[in-house]
Amino acid sequence: FFPLFCSFRYGLSLLLHFCNVVIMAQRMCLSLTMVAMVNSTEPHGLPNTSTADNSQDAEWLHVSPCVFQNPVYNWNPKIQGIIFSSIFYGVLITQIPVGYLSERYSIKKMIGVALFLSSLLSLLMPMAAGGGEAFLLACRVAQGAAQGSVSIAQHVMWVKWAPPLERGRLTSLSLSGILLGSFIVLLVTGFICQSLGWPMVFYIFGACGCALSLLWFVLFYDDPKDHPCISISEKEYILSSLNQQVEHRCCTVPLPIKAMIKSLPVWAIAFGSFAFHWTNNIMLLYTPTFINSKLHVNIKENGLLSALPYLLAWSFGILSGHLTDFFLSRNLLRLVTIRHLFNTLGLLLPAFFSVCLLYLSFSFPSTAVFLILASSTGTFCMAGVLINGLDIAPSYYGFLKGVTAVIGMIGGLISSTLCGVILNQDPESAWFKIFFLMGLINVICLLFCLIFGKAEIQDWATDRQEHTRL
């Protein structure tokens, strides 16, 4: 038995884990630094200006009133909302093109360059804010495009680096960095703003990303057989375990678009992604609002309760990957059964605990427990629908992941917008409607996944495999 956690592939997974931590920190930190960036005492709607001496705001934020540390801008809530959402448009437009290109070009270069670009833009963010809203928006969209490239391209690397019996552990370890990054940024951003000034948040996370991109270029190779540092035994183990997989990608074989559209397993992944992102966006964006409306706690307690689900979700994500590989290695469950199991856990449990929030939360502790569980259990989908494309079409995994990710993001955009409308129109019964609709969508999409979901390579994906085998 190969010493797993001393192996090079697990070192790469851990490196990618920290890359995802930094990517998520760079993405989320603006929503927290905005409190320090915006002048809450001046009337909004004025041109982009910075306030040199605002001792009242500095005292409220417990930061130095030095303009060079903490310039303050007059951005109204509408402008702030546009700035917040701008990064997601950059992420959205890159999913399918990068998914397609990642099957044909170097993953090492795509991830390394995109991570470095995102980090460089993070370093430039305070300067862009000083230049005005337009510069900041352009910077955020470009950063979103870079981060979207990393989020899609990283999935394709496991086609050549992950043995089938270790895919769960390797992918869950790397992807769980997204959750840990969210937890860390919620904890440390306020402290950095208070101690060093809000621009230092962008400088710190940007510098960390630049360092990680250099490590990535040094340590990662597209194919384990070309890596100079990997041991011979590990290289032979990976290559022999992937003898049924694609040896190299052929650019001349066209994408089987019609076959993909007709494929019910592909639609099962798309429906599952739609439900996952629908639920995830609601819990991500509206948990602080729910806490404020139901628990009436102060902002520090609200922040802590909003951060705790990410820590538990990080644990669930890693646990799901280990359980997947345990079931496979012991031949306890078939792969398709494992995917169905974790899809069921990831889609039903958030809906179940959301209903518990409505009817069984009689005290502060019970409400907090149900809220944390509802926000964190969705990550069981990491061992289900979020990796299922690698099972049915490894040769086209990048493109397939990009398409299903876009469908999922559309679900997330719809849910977050619809929740805002419901809360605005009917505040009294809004949470009942939001959670009931979420549960209904999750159940419908889960049933589709259970009926039509598969875990073996599809016929339309084997054609290319035959062309590309050495």
Protein backbone atom coordinates (compact mmCIF):
# COMPACT_ATOMS: atom_id res chain seq x y z
CA PHE A 1 0.00 0.00 0.00
CA PHE A 2 1.50 3.28 -1.10
CA PRO A 3 2.10 5.84 1.69
CA LEU A 4 -0.63 8.16 0.50
CA PHE A 5 -0.12 11.34 2.43
CA CYS A 6 3.65 11.39 1.82
CA SER A 7 3.08 11.15 -1.93
CA PHE A 8 3.71 13.94 -4.41
CA ARG A 9 0.15 13.96 -5.72
CA TYR A 10 -1.17 14.75 -2.25
CA GLY A 11 1.39 17.51 -1.96
CA LEU A 12 0.03 18.99 -5.19
CA SER A 13 -3.52 18.66 -3.87
CA LEU A 14 -2.49 20.53 -0.71
CA LEU A 15 -0.79 23.23 -2.81
CA LEU A 16 -3.99 23.62 -4.83
CA HIS A 17 -5.90 23.70 -1.53
CA PHE A 18 -3.96 26.81 -0.47
CA CYS A 19 -4.33 28.33 -3.94
CA ASN A 20 -8.10 28.02 -3.51
CA VAL A 21 -7.83 29.55 -0.03
CA VAL A 22 -6.14 32.63 -1.49
CA ILE A 23 -8.46 32.83 -4.50
CA MET A 24 -11.53 32.83 -2.24
CA ALA A 25 -9.95 35.34 0.14
CA GLN A 26 -9.24 37.70 -2.75
CA ARG A 27 -12.82 37.28 -3.96
CA MET A 28 -14.59 37.84 -0.64
CA CYS A 29 -12.43 40.42 1.11
CA LEU A 30 -13.92 43.43 -0.72
CA SER A 31 -17.37 42.74 0.72
CA LEU A 32 -15.85 43.12 4.20
CA THR A 33 -13.41 45.98 3.54
CA MET A 34 -16.26 47.95 1.98
CA VAL A 35 -17.35 48.87 5.52
CA ALA A 36 -14.07 50.72 5.97
CA MET A 37 -13.90 52.02 2.39
CA VAL A 38 -17.25 53.79 2.36
CA ASN A 39 -18.00 57.00 4.23
CA SER A 40 -21.12 56.28 6.28
CA THR A 41 -21.54 59.90 7.46
CA GLU A 42 -21.39 61.75 4.14
CA PRO A 43 -24.36 61.82 1.72
CA HIS A 44 -24.01 59.19 -1.00
CA GLY A 45 -24.19 59.78 -4.70
CA LEU A 46 -21.32 62.25 -4.88
CA PRO A 47 -18.42 61.78 -7.29
CA ASN A 48 -15.70 59.35 -6.28
CA THR A 49 -13.70 61.21 -3.63
CA SER A 50 -11.62 60.25 -0.65
CA THR A 51 -11.90 61.90 2.75
CA ALA A 52 -8.61 63.00 4.23
CA ASP A 53 -9.68 63.67 7.79
CA ASN A 54 -12.61 61.70 9.06
CA SER A 55 -11.87 61.12 12.71
CA GLN A 56 -15.44 60.09 13.53
CA ASP A 57 -15.39 57.25 10.99
CA ALA A 58 -11.87 56.31 12.06
CA GLU A 59 -12.96 56.12 15.68
CA TRP A 60 -16.00 53.98 14.74
CA LEU A 61 -13.79 51.61 12.76
CA HIS A 62 -11.00 51.70 15.34
CA VAL A 63 -8.44 52.50 12.65
CA SER A 64 -5.99 55.31 12.09
CA PRO A 65 -7.59 58.30 10.28
CA CYS A 66 -4.54 58.55 7.99
CA VAL A 67 -5.72 59.03 4.41
CA PHE A 68 -2.77 57.07 3.05
CA GLN A 69 -3.86 54.05 5.07
CA ASN A 70 -7.61 54.33 4.79
CA PRO A 71 -9.01 56.50 2.02
CA VAL A 72 -12.80 56.71 2.25
CA TYR A 73 -15.13 56.93 -0.75
CA ASN A 74 -18.68 58.19 -1.25
CA TRP A 75 -20.28 55.17 -2.93
CA ASN A 76 -24.01 54.69 -2.56
CA PRO A 77 -25.52 51.21 -1.93
CA LYS A 78 -26.36 50.77 -5.62
CA ILE A 79 -22.75 51.31 -6.66
CA GLN A 80 -21.57 49.00 -3.89
CA GLY A 81 -23.91 46.27 -5.14
CA ILE A 82 -22.59 46.61 -8.69
CA ILE A 83 -19.02 46.41 -7.41
CA PHE A 84 -19.82 43.29 -5.37
CA SER A 85 -21.43 41.44 -8.28
CA SER A 86 -18.93 42.49 -10.96
CA ILE A 87 -16.45 39.72 -10.13
CA PHE A 88 -19.07 37.02 -10.79
CA TYR A 89 -19.56 38.23 -14.36
CA GLY A 90 -15.86 37.68 -14.94
CA VAL A 91 -16.10 34.19 -13.45
CA LEU A 92 -19.18 33.37 -15.53
CA ILE A 93 -17.80 34.33 -18.95
CA THR A 94 -14.66 32.19 -18.59
CA GLN A 95 -16.18 28.85 -17.55
CA ILE A 96 -16.95 27.28 -20.93
CA PRO A 97 -14.01 28.73 -22.94
CA VAL A 98 -11.48 27.77 -20.26
CA GLY A 99 -13.07 24.34 -19.87
CA TYR A 100 -12.63 23.75 -23.58
CA LEU A 101 -9.09 25.15 -23.76
CA SER A 102 -7.90 23.30 -20.66
CA GLU A 103 -8.20 20.02 -22.59
CA ARG A 104 -5.86 21.32 -25.29
CA TYR A 105 -3.28 23.53 -23.60
CA SER A 106 -1.00 23.35 -20.58
CA ILE A 107 -2.85 23.26 -17.25
CA LYS A 108 0.36 24.38 -15.55
CA LYS A 109 0.49 27.60 -17.54
CA MET A 110 -3.25 28.27 -17.39
CA ILE A 111 -3.55 27.97 -13.61
CA GLY A 112 -0.19 29.61 -12.87
CA VAL A 113 -0.79 32.65 -15.08
CA ALA A 114 -4.41 33.04 -13.93
CA LEU A 115 -3.46 32.83 -10.24
CA PHE A 116 -0.66 35.35 -10.72
CA LEU A 117 -2.98 37.72 -12.64
CA SER A 118 -5.66 37.50 -9.94
CA SER A 119 -3.05 38.24 -7.27
CA LEU A 120 -1.55 41.13 -9.23
CA LEU A 121 -5.01 42.66 -9.62
CA SER A 122 -5.54 42.27 -5.89
CA LEU A 123 -2.36 44.29 -5.29
CA LEU A 124 -3.69 46.96 -7.68
CA MET A 125 -7.18 47.07 -6.14
CA PRO A 126 -6.55 50.03 -3.75
CA MET A 127 -5.08 52.05 -6.63
CA ALA A 128 -8.06 51.13 -8.82
CA ALA A 129 -10.47 52.25 -6.09
CA GLY A 130 -8.67 55.60 -5.97
CA GLY A 131 -9.10 55.95 -9.72
CA GLY A 132 -12.87 55.67 -9.50
CA GLU A 133 -15.70 53.16 -9.73
CA ALA A 134 -15.04 52.36 -13.40
CA PHE A 135 -11.43 51.33 -12.75
CA LEU A 136 -12.45 49.25 -9.75
CA LEU A 137 -15.21 47.51 -11.75
CA ALA A 138 -12.81 46.72 -14.60
CA CYS A 139 -10.28 45.36 -12.12
CA ARG A 140 -12.91 43.14 -10.44
CA VAL A 141 -14.23 41.75 -13.74
CA ALA A 142 -10.70 40.91 -14.88
CA GLN A 143 -9.96 39.31 -11.51
CA GLY A 144 -13.14 37.25 -11.82
CA ALA A 145 -12.06 36.03 -15.25
CA ALA A 146 -8.69 34.96 -13.83
CA GLN A 147 -10.29 33.21 -10.85
CA GLY A 148 -12.83 31.49 -13.08
CA SER A 149 -9.94 30.11 -15.13
CA VAL A 150 -8.34 28.62 -12.01
CA SER A 151 -11.62 27.15 -10.74
CA ILE A 152 -12.30 25.26 -13.98
CA ALA A 153 -8.79 24.32 -15.12
CA GLN A 154 -7.92 22.72 -11.77
CA HIS A 155 -10.54 20.01 -12.33
CA VAL A 156 -8.87 18.84 -15.53
CA MET A 157 -5.49 18.22 -13.89
CA TRP A 158 -6.94 15.23 -12.00
CA VAL A 159 -7.61 13.40 -15.27
CA LYS A 160 -3.90 12.57 -15.32
CA TRP A 161 -2.94 12.91 -11.67
CA ALA A 162 -5.74 11.17 -9.71
CA PRO A 163 -5.97 7.36 -9.59
CA PRO A 164 -9.65 6.30 -9.70
CA LEU A 165 -9.62 5.05 -6.10
CA GLU A 166 -8.23 8.37 -4.84
CA ARG A 167 -10.23 10.90 -6.82
CA GLY A 168 -12.51 11.63 -3.90
CA ARG A 169 -9.71 12.45 -1.47
CA LEU A 170 -7.59 14.44 -3.93
CA THR A 171 -10.42 16.57 -5.32
CA SER A 172 -12.13 17.17 -1.97
CA LEU A 173 -8.82 18.19 -0.37
CA SER A 174 -8.08 20.71 -3.12
CA LEU A 175 -11.62 22.09 -3.45
CA SER A 176 -12.15 22.41 0.31
CA GLY A 177 -9.66 25.28 0.22
CA ILE A 178 -12.53 27.39 -1.14
CA LEU A 179 -14.42 26.82 2.12
CA LEU A 180 -11.42 27.36 4.38
CA GLY A 181 -10.62 30.58 2.52
CA SER A 182 -14.11 31.88 3.20
CA PHE A 183 -13.74 31.07 6.90
CA ILE A 184 -10.30 32.69 7.17
CA VAL A 185 -11.25 35.89 5.38
CA LEU A 186 -14.27 36.37 7.65
CA LEU A 187 -12.02 36.04 10.70
CA VAL A 188 -8.94 38.07 9.75
CA THR A 189 -10.18 40.85 7.45
CA GLY A 190 -11.68 42.94 10.24
CA PHE A 191 -8.53 42.59 12.32
CA ILE A 192 -6.29 43.66 9.41
CA CYS A 193 -8.53 46.65 8.67
CA GLN A 194 -8.41 47.78 12.29
CA SER A 195 -4.68 47.24 12.74
CA LEU A 196 -3.09 48.09 9.38
CA GLY A 197 -5.77 49.72 7.25
CA TRP A 198 -8.04 48.21 4.60
CA PRO A 199 -5.53 48.45 1.68
CA MET A 200 -3.30 45.97 3.53
CA VAL A 201 -6.00 43.31 3.14
CA PHE A 202 -5.54 43.39 -0.63
CA TYR A 203 -1.75 43.62 -0.37
CA ILE A 204 -1.48 40.61 1.97
CA PHE A 205 -3.77 38.32 -0.01
CA GLY A 206 -2.24 39.51 -3.29
CA ALA A 207 1.29 38.82 -2.08
CA CYS A 208 0.31 35.36 -0.85
CA GLY A 209 -1.19 34.59 -4.26
CA CYS A 210 1.95 35.72 -6.11
CA ALA A 211 4.09 33.47 -3.91
CA LEU A 212 1.78 30.50 -4.49
CA SER A 213 1.79 31.06 -8.26
CA LEU A 214 5.60 30.85 -8.25
CA LEU A 215 5.42 27.62 -6.23
CA TRP A 216 2.89 26.28 -8.71
CA PHE A 217 5.20 26.90 -11.68
CA VAL A 218 8.05 25.14 -9.88
CA LEU A 219 6.20 22.13 -8.47
CA PHE A 220 3.47 21.23 -10.98
CA TYR A 221 3.81 19.39 -14.29
CA ASP A 222 0.94 18.56 -16.63
CA ASP A 223 1.79 14.86 -16.71
CA PRO A 224 3.27 12.81 -13.84
CA LYS A 225 5.50 10.91 -16.26
CA ASP A 226 7.33 14.19 -17.06
CA HIS A 227 7.82 15.30 -13.44
CA PRO A 228 11.48 15.23 -12.34
CA CYS A 229 10.80 15.03 -8.59
CA ILE A 230 8.14 12.34 -8.34
CA SER A 231 9.33 8.91 -7.24
CA ILE A 232 9.43 6.08 -9.77
CA SER A 233 7.06 3.94 -7.70
CA GLU A 234 4.47 6.70 -7.44
CA LYS A 235 4.77 7.49 -11.15
CA GLU A 236 4.24 3.83 -12.07
CA TYR A 237 1.31 3.56 -9.66
CA ILE A 238 -0.48 6.58 -11.15
CA LEU A 239 0.14 5.56 -14.77
CA SER A 240 -0.88 1.94 -14.22
CA SER A 241 -4.07 2.93 -12.38
CA LEU A 242 -5.01 5.24 -15.26
CA ASN A 243 -4.38 2.71 -18.03
CA GLN A 244 -8.05 2.92 -19.00
CA GLN A 245 -7.92 6.70 -19.17
CA VAL A 246 -6.82 9.04 -21.92
CA GLU A 247 -3.06 9.17 -22.44
CA HIS A 248 -3.04 12.46 -24.27
CA ARG A 249 -5.55 14.84 -25.79
CA CYS A 250 -6.04 15.06 -29.51
CA CYS A 251 -7.02 18.48 -30.75
CA THR A 252 -8.40 17.20 -34.06
CA VAL A 253 -11.29 15.24 -32.57
CA PRO A 254 -14.38 17.51 -32.44
CA LEU A 255 -16.57 17.87 -29.39
CA PRO A 256 -19.64 15.58 -29.50
CA ILE A 257 -22.02 18.48 -28.73
CA LYS A 258 -25.15 16.71 -30.02
CA ALA A 259 -24.38 13.59 -28.01
CA MET A 260 -23.82 15.67 -24.89
CA ILE A 261 -27.14 17.48 -25.34
CA LYS A 262 -28.96 14.15 -25.73
CA SER A 263 -27.15 12.57 -22.78
CA LEU A 264 -29.39 12.26 -19.71
CA PRO A 265 -26.40 11.72 -17.35
CA VAL A 266 -25.07 15.11 -18.46
CA TRP A 267 -28.44 16.70 -17.72
CA ALA A 268 -28.44 14.96 -14.35
CA ILE A 269 -25.15 16.72 -13.53
CA ALA A 270 -26.57 20.02 -14.82
CA PHE A 271 -29.72 19.71 -12.69
CA GLY A 272 -27.68 18.75 -9.65
CA SER A 273 -25.35 21.73 -10.16
CA PHE A 274 -28.34 24.02 -10.55
CA ALA A 275 -29.80 22.87 -7.22
CA PHE A 276 -26.44 22.98 -5.44
CA HIS A 277 -25.71 26.57 -6.52
CA TRP A 278 -29.30 27.64 -5.85
CA THR A 279 -28.98 26.47 -2.24
CA ASN A 280 -25.38 27.54 -1.79
CA ASN A 281 -26.00 31.13 -2.92
CA ILE A 282 -28.99 31.50 -0.60
CA MET A 283 -27.05 30.27 2.42
CA LEU A 284 -23.92 32.23 1.43
CA LEU A 285 -25.56 35.59 0.81
CA TYR A 286 -28.55 35.60 3.15
CA THR A 287 -27.28 33.84 6.30
CA PRO A 288 -26.27 37.19 7.91
CA THR A 289 -29.69 38.62 7.00
CA PHE A 290 -31.48 35.64 8.56
CA ILE A 291 -29.35 35.89 11.70
CA ASN A 292 -30.10 39.60 12.01
CA SER A 293 -33.85 39.16 11.53
CA LYS A 294 -34.33 36.09 13.75
CA LEU A 295 -31.61 36.17 16.41
CA HIS A 296 -31.09 39.94 16.80
CA VAL A 297 -27.39 39.64 17.70
CA ASN A 298 -24.68 42.26 17.33
CA ILE A 299 -22.48 42.43 14.27
CA LYS A 300 -19.54 40.57 15.87
CA GLU A 301 -21.74 37.61 16.88
CA ASN A 302 -23.35 37.73 13.44
CA GLY A 303 -19.93 37.50 11.81
CA LEU A 304 -18.93 34.54 13.97
CA LEU A 305 -22.16 32.66 13.24
CA SER A 306 -21.76 33.42 9.53
CA ALA A 307 -18.18 32.06 9.56
CA LEU A 308 -18.77 28.83 11.50
CA PRO A 309 -20.66 27.05 8.65
CA TYR A 310 -17.59 27.39 6.42
CA LEU A 311 -15.39 25.62 8.96
CA LEU A 312 -17.88 22.76 9.29
CA ALA A 313 -18.38 22.66 5.51
CA TRP A 314 -14.60 22.39 5.08
CA SER A 315 -14.64 19.34 7.38
CA PHE A 316 -17.61 17.77 5.56
CA GLY A 317 -15.94 18.32 2.18
CA ILE A 318 -12.76 16.48 3.18
CA LEU A 319 -14.76 13.77 4.97
CA SER A 320 -16.90 13.08 1.90
CA GLY A 321 -13.82 12.52 -0.26
CA HIS A 322 -12.31 10.08 2.23
CA LEU A 323 -15.57 8.17 2.59
CA THR A 324 -15.90 7.88 -1.19
CA ASP A 325 -12.50 6.30 -1.57
CA PHE A 326 -13.07 4.09 1.48
CA PHE A 327 -16.28 2.66 0.00
CA LEU A 328 -14.57 2.09 -3.35
CA SER A 329 -11.38 0.54 -2.02
CA ARG A 330 -13.34 -1.87 0.19
CA ASN A 331 -15.85 -2.66 -2.61
CA LEU A 332 -18.67 -1.77 -0.22
CA LEU A 333 -20.64 0.31 -2.73
CA ARG A 334 -20.63 0.82 -6.49
CA LEU A 335 -19.43 4.18 -7.74
CA VAL A 336 -22.86 5.20 -9.00
CA THR A 337 -24.35 4.36 -5.58
CA ILE A 338 -21.73 6.51 -3.87
CA ARG A 339 -22.52 9.44 -6.16
CA HIS A 340 -26.25 9.03 -5.46
CA LEU A 341 -25.58 8.83 -1.72
CA PHE A 342 -23.63 12.07 -1.53
CA ASN A 343 -26.01 13.86 -3.91
CA THR A 344 -28.83 12.88 -1.56
CA LEU A 345 -26.94 14.12 1.50
CA GLY A 346 -25.81 17.33 -0.20
CA LEU A 347 -29.24 18.29 -1.54
CA LEU A 348 -31.67 16.91 1.05
CA LEU A 349 -29.90 17.81 4.29
CA PRO A 350 -29.79 21.60 3.64
CA ALA A 351 -33.50 21.53 2.79
CA PHE A 352 -34.28 19.42 5.88
CA PHE A 353 -32.35 21.65 8.30
CA SER A 354 -33.89 24.75 6.69
CA VAL A 355 -37.34 23.37 7.52
CA CYS A 356 -36.10 22.69 11.06
CA LEU A 357 -35.11 26.36 11.23
CA LEU A 358 -38.73 27.30 10.59
CA TYR A 359 -40.48 24.86 12.93
CA LEU A 360 -38.01 23.47 15.50
CA SER A 361 -35.79 26.43 16.39
CA PHE A 362 -37.24 27.36 19.78
CA SER A 363 -34.09 28.84 21.28
CA PHE A 364 -30.87 30.56 20.30
CA PRO A 365 -28.73 27.36 20.48
CA SER A 366 -31.17 25.28 18.40
CA THR A 367 -31.48 28.03 15.78
CA ALA A 368 -27.71 28.39 15.57
CA VAL A 369 -27.18 24.62 15.22
CA PHE A 370 -29.81 24.21 12.48
CA LEU A 371 -28.48 27.26 10.64
CA ILE A 372 -24.89 26.00 10.69
CA LEU A 373 -25.96 22.53 9.51
CA ALA A 374 -28.21 23.94 6.76
CA SER A 375 -25.33 26.09 5.48
CA SER A 376 -22.61 23.43 5.63
CA THR A 377 -24.10 20.07 4.61
CA GLY A 378 -24.40 21.03 0.94
CA THR A 379 -20.66 20.37 0.55
CA PHE A 380 -21.38 16.63 0.49
CA CYS A 381 -22.06 17.31 -3.20
CA MET A 382 -18.28 17.55 -3.62
CA ALA A 383 -18.28 13.75 -3.70
CA GLY A 384 -21.38 13.67 -5.87
CA VAL A 385 -22.55 15.87 -8.69
CA LEU A 386 -19.55 18.23 -8.56
CA ILE A 387 -17.13 15.47 -9.60
CA ASN A 388 -19.49 13.22 -11.56
CA GLY A 389 -18.33 14.57 -14.93
CA LEU A 390 -14.93 12.96 -14.39
CA ASP A 391 -16.70 9.58 -14.18
CA ILE A 392 -18.78 9.78 -17.35
CA ALA A 393 -16.45 11.68 -19.71
CA PRO A 394 -12.84 12.14 -18.55
CA SER A 395 -11.77 13.09 -22.08
CA TYR A 396 -14.18 16.03 -22.13
CA TYR A 397 -14.18 16.82 -18.42
CA GLY A 398 -12.99 20.42 -18.78
CA PHE A 399 -15.66 21.42 -21.27
CA LEU A 400 -18.36 19.46 -19.43
CA LYS A 401 -17.40 21.07 -16.13
CA GLY A 402 -17.52 24.52 -17.67
CA VAL A 403 -21.00 24.01 -19.12
CA THR A 404 -22.51 22.53 -15.96
CA ALA A 405 -20.83 25.23 -13.84
CA VAL A 406 -22.49 27.94 -15.95
CA ILE A 407 -25.88 26.27 -15.51
CA GLY A 408 -25.24 26.09 -11.78
CA MET A 409 -24.23 29.75 -11.59
CA ILE A 410 -27.41 30.73 -13.41
CA GLY A 411 -29.33 28.93 -10.68
CA GLY A 412 -27.35 30.82 -8.06
CA LEU A 413 -28.01 34.19 -9.71
CA ILE A 414 -31.73 33.45 -9.98
CA SER A 415 -32.02 32.32 -6.35
CA SER A 416 -30.14 35.30 -4.90
CA THR A 417 -32.20 37.76 -6.97
CA LEU A 418 -35.49 36.03 -6.17
CA CYS A 419 -34.73 35.97 -2.45
CA GLY A 420 -34.18 39.72 -2.48
CA VAL A 421 -37.54 40.22 -4.19
CA ILE A 422 -39.36 37.95 -1.73
CA LEU A 423 -37.78 39.61 1.31
CA ASN A 424 -38.70 43.04 -0.05
CA GLN A 425 -42.33 42.19 -0.86
CA ASP A 426 -43.30 39.94 2.04
CA PRO A 427 -40.89 40.19 4.99
CA GLU A 428 -43.16 38.32 7.44
CA SER A 429 -43.47 35.02 5.58
CA ALA A 430 -40.42 35.46 3.35
CA TRP A 431 -38.22 32.80 4.96
CA PHE A 432 -40.96 30.18 4.72
CA LYS A 433 -41.29 30.85 0.99
CA ILE A 434 -37.53 30.92 0.42
CA PHE A 435 -36.82 27.65 2.24
CA PHE A 436 -39.88 25.88 0.84
CA LEU A 437 -38.90 26.80 -2.72
CA MET A 438 -35.31 25.74 -2.05
CA GLY A 439 -36.47 22.37 -0.73
CA LEU A 440 -38.80 21.85 -3.69
CA ILE A 441 -36.06 22.58 -6.24
CA ASN A 442 -33.59 20.35 -4.40
CA VAL A 443 -36.01 17.42 -4.29
CA ILE A 444 -36.96 17.71 -7.98
CA CYS A 445 -33.33 17.97 -9.12
CA LEU A 446 -32.27 15.15 -6.80
CA LEU A 447 -34.94 12.82 -8.21
CA PHE A 448 -33.67 13.58 -11.72
CA CYS A 449 -30.10 12.81 -10.59
CA LEU A 450 -31.13 9.55 -8.94
CA ILE A 451 -33.08 8.36 -11.99
CA PHE A 452 -30.73 9.40 -14.79
CA GLY A 453 -27.33 9.85 -13.10
CA LYS A 454 -24.54 7.46 -14.15
CA ALA A 455 -20.94 6.87 -13.10
CA GLU A 456 -19.45 4.96 -16.03
CA ILE A 457 -17.83 6.38 -19.17
CA GLN A 458 -20.51 7.09 -21.76
CA ASP A 459 -20.42 5.75 -25.31
CA TRP A 460 -20.00 9.20 -26.85
CA ALA A 461 -16.95 9.78 -24.60
CA THR A 462 -15.25 6.50 -25.54
CA ASP A 463 -14.90 7.46 -29.23
CA ARG A 464 -12.29 10.04 -28.41
CA GLN A 465 -10.62 7.71 -25.98
CA GLU A 466 -10.03 5.19 -28.74
CA HIS A 467 -8.52 7.91 -30.96
CA THR A 468 -6.24 9.20 -28.24
CA ARG A 469 -4.80 6.05 -26.73
CA LEU A 470 -1.15 5.46 -27.47
